[in-house]
Amino acid sequence: MKNILLHPKHKRKIAEDLGVSKQTVDMSLNYVFNSFNAKKIRLKAKVLLLQEASEIHDESFINL
């Protein structure tokens, strides 16, 4: 089963930004819902994850 794993802080932000409940966000990320709002929630999650990934600097991996 596919789902999108997201930190609770991001779930809260999506819920606030889109004016939906946290449960709606959870169910949309688990592909229970496939409405227009669910697709917006998943897109917003992708944007937040890409933004967070871009903040990781390659120098932090030099000592591995």
PDB file of N, CA and C in Angstrom:
ATOM      1  N   MET A   1       0.848  -1.180   0.000  1.00  0.00           N
ATOM      2  CA  MET A   1       0.000   0.000   0.000  1.00  0.00           C
ATOM      3  C   MET A   1       0.893   1.243   0.000  1.00  0.00           C
ATOM      4  N   LYS A   2       0.597   2.194  -0.850  1.00  0.00           N
ATOM      5  CA  LYS A   2       1.424   3.386  -0.908  1.00  0.00           C
ATOM      6  C   LYS A   2       0.890   4.453   0.053  1.00  0.00           C
ATOM      7  N   ASN A   3       1.801   5.174   0.631  1.00  0.00           N
ATOM      8  CA  ASN A   3       1.451   6.317   1.474  1.00  0.00           C
ATOM      9  C   ASN A   3       2.643   7.260   1.537  1.00  0.00           C
ATOM     10  N   ILE A   4       2.394   8.464   1.978  1.00  0.00           N
ATOM     11  CA  ILE A   4       3.439   9.480   2.079  1.00  0.00           C
ATOM     12  C   ILE A   4       3.704   9.714   3.559  1.00  0.00           C
ATOM     13  N   LEU A   5       4.946   9.492   3.970  1.00  0.00           N
ATOM     14  CA  LEU A   5       5.326   9.698   5.361  1.00  0.00           C
ATOM     15  C   LEU A   5       5.745  11.152   5.547  1.00  0.00           C
ATOM     16  N   LEU A   6       5.154  11.784   6.550  1.00  0.00           N
ATOM     17  CA  LEU A   6       5.388  13.210   6.750  1.00  0.00           C
ATOM     18  C   LEU A   6       5.404  13.505   8.240  1.00  0.00           C
ATOM     19  N   HIS A   7       6.306  14.360   8.646  1.00  0.00           N
ATOM     20  CA  HIS A   7       6.406  14.754  10.052  1.00  0.00           C
ATOM     21  C   HIS A   7       5.130  15.481  10.474  1.00  0.00           C
ATOM     22  N   PRO A   8       4.692  15.278  11.716  1.00  0.00           N
ATOM     23  CA  PRO A   8       3.463  15.934  12.191  1.00  0.00           C
ATOM     24  C   PRO A   8       3.458  17.457  12.044  1.00  0.00           C
ATOM     25  N   LYS A   9       4.636  18.100  12.151  1.00  0.00           N
ATOM     26  CA  LYS A   9       4.669  19.559  11.996  1.00  0.00           C
ATOM     27  C   LYS A   9       4.250  19.958  10.582  1.00  0.00           C
ATOM     28  N   HIS A  10       4.640  19.154   9.600  1.00  0.00           N
ATOM     29  CA  HIS A  10       4.247  19.434   8.220  1.00  0.00           C
ATOM     30  C   HIS A  10       2.759  19.146   8.005  1.00  0.00           C
ATOM     31  N   LYS A  11       2.263  18.105   8.652  1.00  0.00           N
ATOM     32  CA  LYS A  11       0.838  17.792   8.543  1.00  0.00           C
ATOM     33  C   LYS A  11      -0.006  18.930   9.108  1.00  0.00           C
ATOM     34  N   ARG A  12       0.418  19.476  10.253  1.00  0.00           N
ATOM     35  CA  ARG A  12      -0.303  20.606  10.856  1.00  0.00           C
ATOM     36  C   ARG A  12      -0.273  21.817   9.928  1.00  0.00           C
ATOM     37  N   LYS A  13       0.886  22.078   9.326  1.00  0.00           N
ATOM     38  CA  LYS A  13       1.012  23.222   8.425  1.00  0.00           C
ATOM     39  C   LYS A  13       0.090  23.064   7.221  1.00  0.00           C
ATOM     40  N   ILE A  14       0.041  21.880   6.644  1.00  0.00           N
ATOM     41  CA  ILE A  14      -0.830  21.645   5.501  1.00  0.00           C
ATOM     42  C   ILE A  14      -2.285  21.837   5.902  1.00  0.00           C
ATOM     43  N   ALA A  15      -2.663  21.289   7.046  1.00  0.00           N
ATOM     44  CA  ALA A  15      -4.050  21.418   7.517  1.00  0.00           C
ATOM     45  C   ALA A  15      -4.421  22.889   7.706  1.00  0.00           C
ATOM     46  N   GLU A  16      -3.524  23.657   8.302  1.00  0.00           N
ATOM     47  CA  GLU A  16      -3.781  25.086   8.515  1.00  0.00           C
ATOM     48  C   GLU A  16      -3.845  25.837   7.191  1.00  0.00           C
ATOM     49  N   ASP A  17      -2.882  25.580   6.312  1.00  0.00           N
ATOM     50  CA  ASP A  17      -2.809  26.300   5.036  1.00  0.00           C
ATOM     51  C   ASP A  17      -4.020  26.038   4.150  1.00  0.00           C
ATOM     52  N   LEU A  18      -4.505  24.808   4.140  1.00  0.00           N
ATOM     53  CA  LEU A  18      -5.599  24.449   3.247  1.00  0.00           C
ATOM     54  C   LEU A  18      -6.965  24.463   3.936  1.00  0.00           C
ATOM     55  N   GLY A  19      -6.977  24.722   5.237  1.00  0.00           N
ATOM     56  CA  GLY A  19      -8.240  24.813   5.956  1.00  0.00           C
ATOM     57  C   GLY A  19      -8.979  23.488   6.064  1.00  0.00           C
ATOM     58  N   VAL A  20      -8.208  22.412   6.287  1.00  0.00           N
ATOM     59  CA  VAL A  20      -8.804  21.092   6.453  1.00  0.00           C
ATOM     60  C   VAL A  20      -8.348  20.518   7.800  1.00  0.00           C
ATOM     61  N   SER A  21      -8.946  19.403   8.187  1.00  0.00           N
ATOM     62  CA  SER A  21      -8.570  18.772   9.454  1.00  0.00           C
ATOM     63  C   SER A  21      -7.300  17.943   9.270  1.00  0.00           C
ATOM     64  N   LYS A  22      -6.640  17.649  10.390  1.00  0.00           N
ATOM     65  CA  LYS A  22      -5.449  16.805  10.343  1.00  0.00           C
ATOM     66  C   LYS A  22      -5.832  15.401   9.881  1.00  0.00           C
ATOM     67  N   GLN A  23      -7.027  14.956  10.229  1.00  0.00           N
ATOM     68  CA  GLN A  23      -7.483  13.648   9.780  1.00  0.00           C
ATOM     69  C   GLN A  23      -7.605  13.601   8.249  1.00  0.00           C
ATOM     70  N   THR A  24      -8.085  14.681   7.656  1.00  0.00           N
ATOM     71  CA  THR A  24      -8.174  14.749   6.195  1.00  0.00           C
ATOM     72  C   THR A  24      -6.788  14.658   5.584  1.00  0.00           C
ATOM     73  N   VAL A  25      -5.830  15.337   6.183  1.00  0.00           N
ATOM     74  CA  VAL A  25      -4.447  15.279   5.700  1.00  0.00           C
ATOM     75  C   VAL A  25      -3.926  13.849   5.807  1.00  0.00           C
ATOM     76  N   ASP A  26      -4.120  13.215   6.964  1.00  0.00           N
ATOM     77  CA  ASP A  26      -3.648  11.842   7.159  1.00  0.00           C
ATOM     78  C   ASP A  26      -4.260  10.892   6.137  1.00  0.00           C
ATOM     79  N   MET A  27      -5.551  10.988   5.938  1.00  0.00           N
ATOM     80  CA  MET A  27      -6.228  10.070   5.024  1.00  0.00           C
ATOM     81  C   MET A  27      -5.835  10.342   3.570  1.00  0.00           C
ATOM     82  N   SER A  28      -5.578  11.595   3.253  1.00  0.00           N
ATOM     83  CA  SER A  28      -5.130  11.932   1.901  1.00  0.00           C
ATOM     84  C   SER A  28      -3.726  11.408   1.641  1.00  0.00           C
ATOM     85  N   LEU A  29      -2.850  11.504   2.641  1.00  0.00           N
ATOM     86  CA  LEU A  29      -1.484  11.006   2.495  1.00  0.00           C
ATOM     87  C   LEU A  29      -1.448   9.483   2.435  1.00  0.00           C
ATOM     88  N   ASN A  30      -2.484   8.829   2.936  1.00  0.00           N
ATOM     89  CA  ASN A  30      -2.592   7.369   2.864  1.00  0.00           C
ATOM     90  C   ASN A  30      -3.416   6.920   1.658  1.00  0.00           C
ATOM     91  N   TYR A  31      -3.759   7.852   0.789  1.00  0.00           N
ATOM     92  CA  TYR A  31      -4.512   7.592  -0.442  1.00  0.00           C
ATOM     93  C   TYR A  31      -5.892   6.983  -0.183  1.00  0.00           C
ATOM     94  N   VAL A  32      -6.485   7.293   0.968  1.00  0.00           N
ATOM     95  CA  VAL A  32      -7.866   6.894   1.222  1.00  0.00           C
ATOM     96  C   VAL A  32      -8.780   7.799   0.397  1.00  0.00           C
ATOM     97  N   PHE A  33      -8.420   9.088   0.359  1.00  0.00           N
ATOM     98  CA  PHE A  33      -9.161  10.070  -0.421  1.00  0.00           C
ATOM     99  C   PHE A  33      -8.400  10.342  -1.720  1.00  0.00           C
ATOM    100  N   ASN A  34      -9.140  10.618  -2.781  1.00  0.00           N
ATOM    101  CA  ASN A  34      -8.507  10.990  -4.036  1.00  0.00           C
ATOM    102  C   ASN A  34      -9.223  12.191  -4.661  1.00  0.00           C
ATOM    103  N   SER A  35      -9.750  13.044  -3.825  1.00  0.00           N
ATOM    104  CA  SER A  35     -10.462  14.229  -4.288  1.00  0.00           C
ATOM    105  C   SER A  35      -9.464  15.299  -4.737  1.00  0.00           C
ATOM    106  N   PHE A  36     -10.009  16.404  -5.225  1.00  0.00           N
ATOM    107  CA  PHE A  36      -9.168  17.537  -5.614  1.00  0.00           C
ATOM    108  C   PHE A  36      -8.350  18.020  -4.417  1.00  0.00           C
ATOM    109  N   ASN A  37      -8.992  18.133  -3.242  1.00  0.00           N
ATOM    110  CA  ASN A  37      -8.272  18.554  -2.036  1.00  0.00           C
ATOM    111  C   ASN A  37      -7.185  17.563  -1.649  1.00  0.00           C
ATOM    112  N   ALA A  38      -7.471  16.271  -1.788  1.00  0.00           N
ATOM    113  CA  ALA A  38      -6.476  15.251  -1.453  1.00  0.00           C
ATOM    114  C   ALA A  38      -5.250  15.386  -2.356  1.00  0.00           C
ATOM    115  N   LYS A  39      -5.486  15.660  -3.614  1.00  0.00           N
ATOM    116  CA  LYS A  39      -4.372  15.841  -4.549  1.00  0.00           C
ATOM    117  C   LYS A  39      -3.573  17.095  -4.199  1.00  0.00           C
ATOM    118  N   LYS A  40      -4.255  18.167  -3.774  1.00  0.00           N
ATOM    119  CA  LYS A  40      -3.556  19.384  -3.338  1.00  0.00           C
ATOM    120  C   LYS A  40      -2.725  19.095  -2.092  1.00  0.00           C
ATOM    121  N   ILE A  41      -3.264  18.298  -1.176  1.00  0.00           N
ATOM    122  CA  ILE A  41      -2.543  17.946   0.047  1.00  0.00           C
ATOM    123  C   ILE A  41      -1.277  17.170  -0.292  1.00  0.00           C
ATOM    124  N   ARG A  42      -1.378  16.201  -1.187  1.00  0.00           N
ATOM    125  CA  ARG A  42      -0.202  15.424  -1.567  1.00  0.00           C
ATOM    126  C   ARG A  42       0.834  16.280  -2.295  1.00  0.00           C
ATOM    127  N   LEU A  43       0.385  17.196  -3.115  1.00  0.00           N
ATOM    128  CA  LEU A  43       1.309  18.102  -3.797  1.00  0.00           C
ATOM    129  C   LEU A  43       2.012  19.011  -2.792  1.00  0.00           C
ATOM    130  N   LYS A  44       1.269  19.517  -1.829  1.00  0.00           N
ATOM    131  CA  LYS A  44       1.848  20.375  -0.786  1.00  0.00           C
ATOM    132  C   LYS A  44       2.869  19.577   0.033  1.00  0.00           C
ATOM    133  N   ALA A  45       2.567  18.312   0.319  1.00  0.00           N
ATOM    134  CA  ALA A  45       3.503  17.459   1.054  1.00  0.00           C
ATOM    135  C   ALA A  45       4.789  17.280   0.256  1.00  0.00           C
ATOM    136  N   LYS A  46       4.652  17.063  -1.035  1.00  0.00           N
ATOM    137  CA  LYS A  46       5.829  16.899  -1.889  1.00  0.00           C
ATOM    138  C   LYS A  46       6.681  18.158  -1.877  1.00  0.00           C
ATOM    139  N   VAL A  47       6.044  19.308  -1.983  1.00  0.00           N
ATOM    140  CA  VAL A  47       6.771  20.583  -1.971  1.00  0.00           C
ATOM    141  C   VAL A  47       7.513  20.756  -0.644  1.00  0.00           C
ATOM    142  N   LEU A  48       6.842  20.454   0.473  1.00  0.00           N
ATOM    143  CA  LEU A  48       7.480  20.597   1.780  1.00  0.00           C
ATOM    144  C   LEU A  48       8.662  19.639   1.927  1.00  0.00           C
ATOM    145  N   LEU A  49       8.521  18.409   1.442  1.00  0.00           N
ATOM    146  CA  LEU A  49       9.616  17.443   1.525  1.00  0.00           C
ATOM    147  C   LEU A  49      10.797  17.858   0.651  1.00  0.00           C
ATOM    148  N   LEU A  50      10.523  18.344  -0.549  1.00  0.00           N
ATOM    149  CA  LEU A  50      11.604  18.812  -1.421  1.00  0.00           C
ATOM    150  C   LEU A  50      12.303  20.031  -0.830  1.00  0.00           C
ATOM    151  N   GLN A  51      11.520  20.911  -0.219  1.00  0.00           N
ATOM    152  CA  GLN A  51      12.097  22.093   0.420  1.00  0.00           C
ATOM    153  C   GLN A  51      12.997  21.684   1.579  1.00  0.00           C
ATOM    154  N   GLU A  52      12.549  20.733   2.375  1.00  0.00           N
ATOM    155  CA  GLU A  52      13.348  20.268   3.498  1.00  0.00           C
ATOM    156  C   GLU A  52      14.623  19.575   3.007  1.00  0.00           C
ATOM    157  N   ALA A  53      14.512  18.785   1.949  1.00  0.00           N
ATOM    158  CA  ALA A  53      15.679  18.092   1.398  1.00  0.00           C
ATOM    159  C   ALA A  53      16.697  19.078   0.832  1.00  0.00           C
ATOM    160  N   SER A  54      16.221  20.168   0.253  1.00  0.00           N
ATOM    161  CA  SER A  54      17.146  21.147  -0.325  1.00  0.00           C
ATOM    162  C   SER A  54      17.934  21.896   0.744  1.00  0.00           C
ATOM    163  N   GLU A  55      17.468  21.846   1.973  1.00  0.00           N
ATOM    164  CA  GLU A  55      18.162  22.526   3.068  1.00  0.00           C
ATOM    165  C   GLU A  55      19.304  21.689   3.636  1.00  0.00           C
ATOM    166  N   ILE A  56      19.428  20.452   3.186  1.00  0.00           N
ATOM    167  CA  ILE A  56      20.517  19.585   3.639  1.00  0.00           C
ATOM    168  C   ILE A  56      21.756  19.922   2.822  1.00  0.00           C
ATOM    169  N   HIS A  57      22.824  20.222   3.501  1.00  0.00           N
ATOM    170  CA  HIS A  57      24.065  20.601   2.832  1.00  0.00           C
ATOM    171  C   HIS A  57      24.956  19.385   2.685  1.00  0.00           C
ATOM    172  N   ASP A  58      25.585  19.238   1.531  1.00  0.00           N
ATOM    173  CA  ASP A  58      26.444  18.099   1.252  1.00  0.00           C
ATOM    174  C   ASP A  58      27.623  18.013   2.222  1.00  0.00           C
ATOM    175  N   GLU A  59      28.069  19.140   2.754  1.00  0.00           N
ATOM    176  CA  GLU A  59      29.209  19.133   3.656  1.00  0.00           C
ATOM    177  C   GLU A  59      28.933  18.333   4.927  1.00  0.00           C
ATOM    178  N   SER A  60      27.649  18.208   5.287  1.00  0.00           N
ATOM    179  CA  SER A  60      27.325  17.487   6.510  1.00  0.00           C
ATOM    180  C   SER A  60      27.565  15.979   6.362  1.00  0.00           C
ATOM    181  N   PHE A  61      27.784  15.490   5.141  1.00  0.00           N
ATOM    182  CA  PHE A  61      27.996  14.069   4.910  1.00  0.00           C
ATOM    183  C   PHE A  61      29.478  13.730   4.725  1.00  0.00           C
ATOM    184  N   ILE A  62      30.355  14.708   4.795  1.00  0.00           N
ATOM    185  CA  ILE A  62      31.771  14.481   4.545  1.00  0.00           C
ATOM    186  C   ILE A  62      32.377  13.522   5.580  1.00  0.00           C
ATOM    187  N   ASN A  63      31.958  13.586   6.826  1.00  0.00           N
ATOM    188  CA  ASN A  63      32.557  12.795   7.889  1.00  0.00           C
ATOM    189  C   ASN A  63      31.953  11.408   8.027  1.00  0.00           C
ATOM    190  N   LEU A  64      31.111  10.977   7.089  1.00  0.00           N
ATOM    191  CA  LEU A  64      30.504   9.654   7.213  1.00  0.00           C
ATOM    192  C   LEU A  64      31.459   8.559   6.867  1.00  0.00           C
TER     193      LEU A  64
END
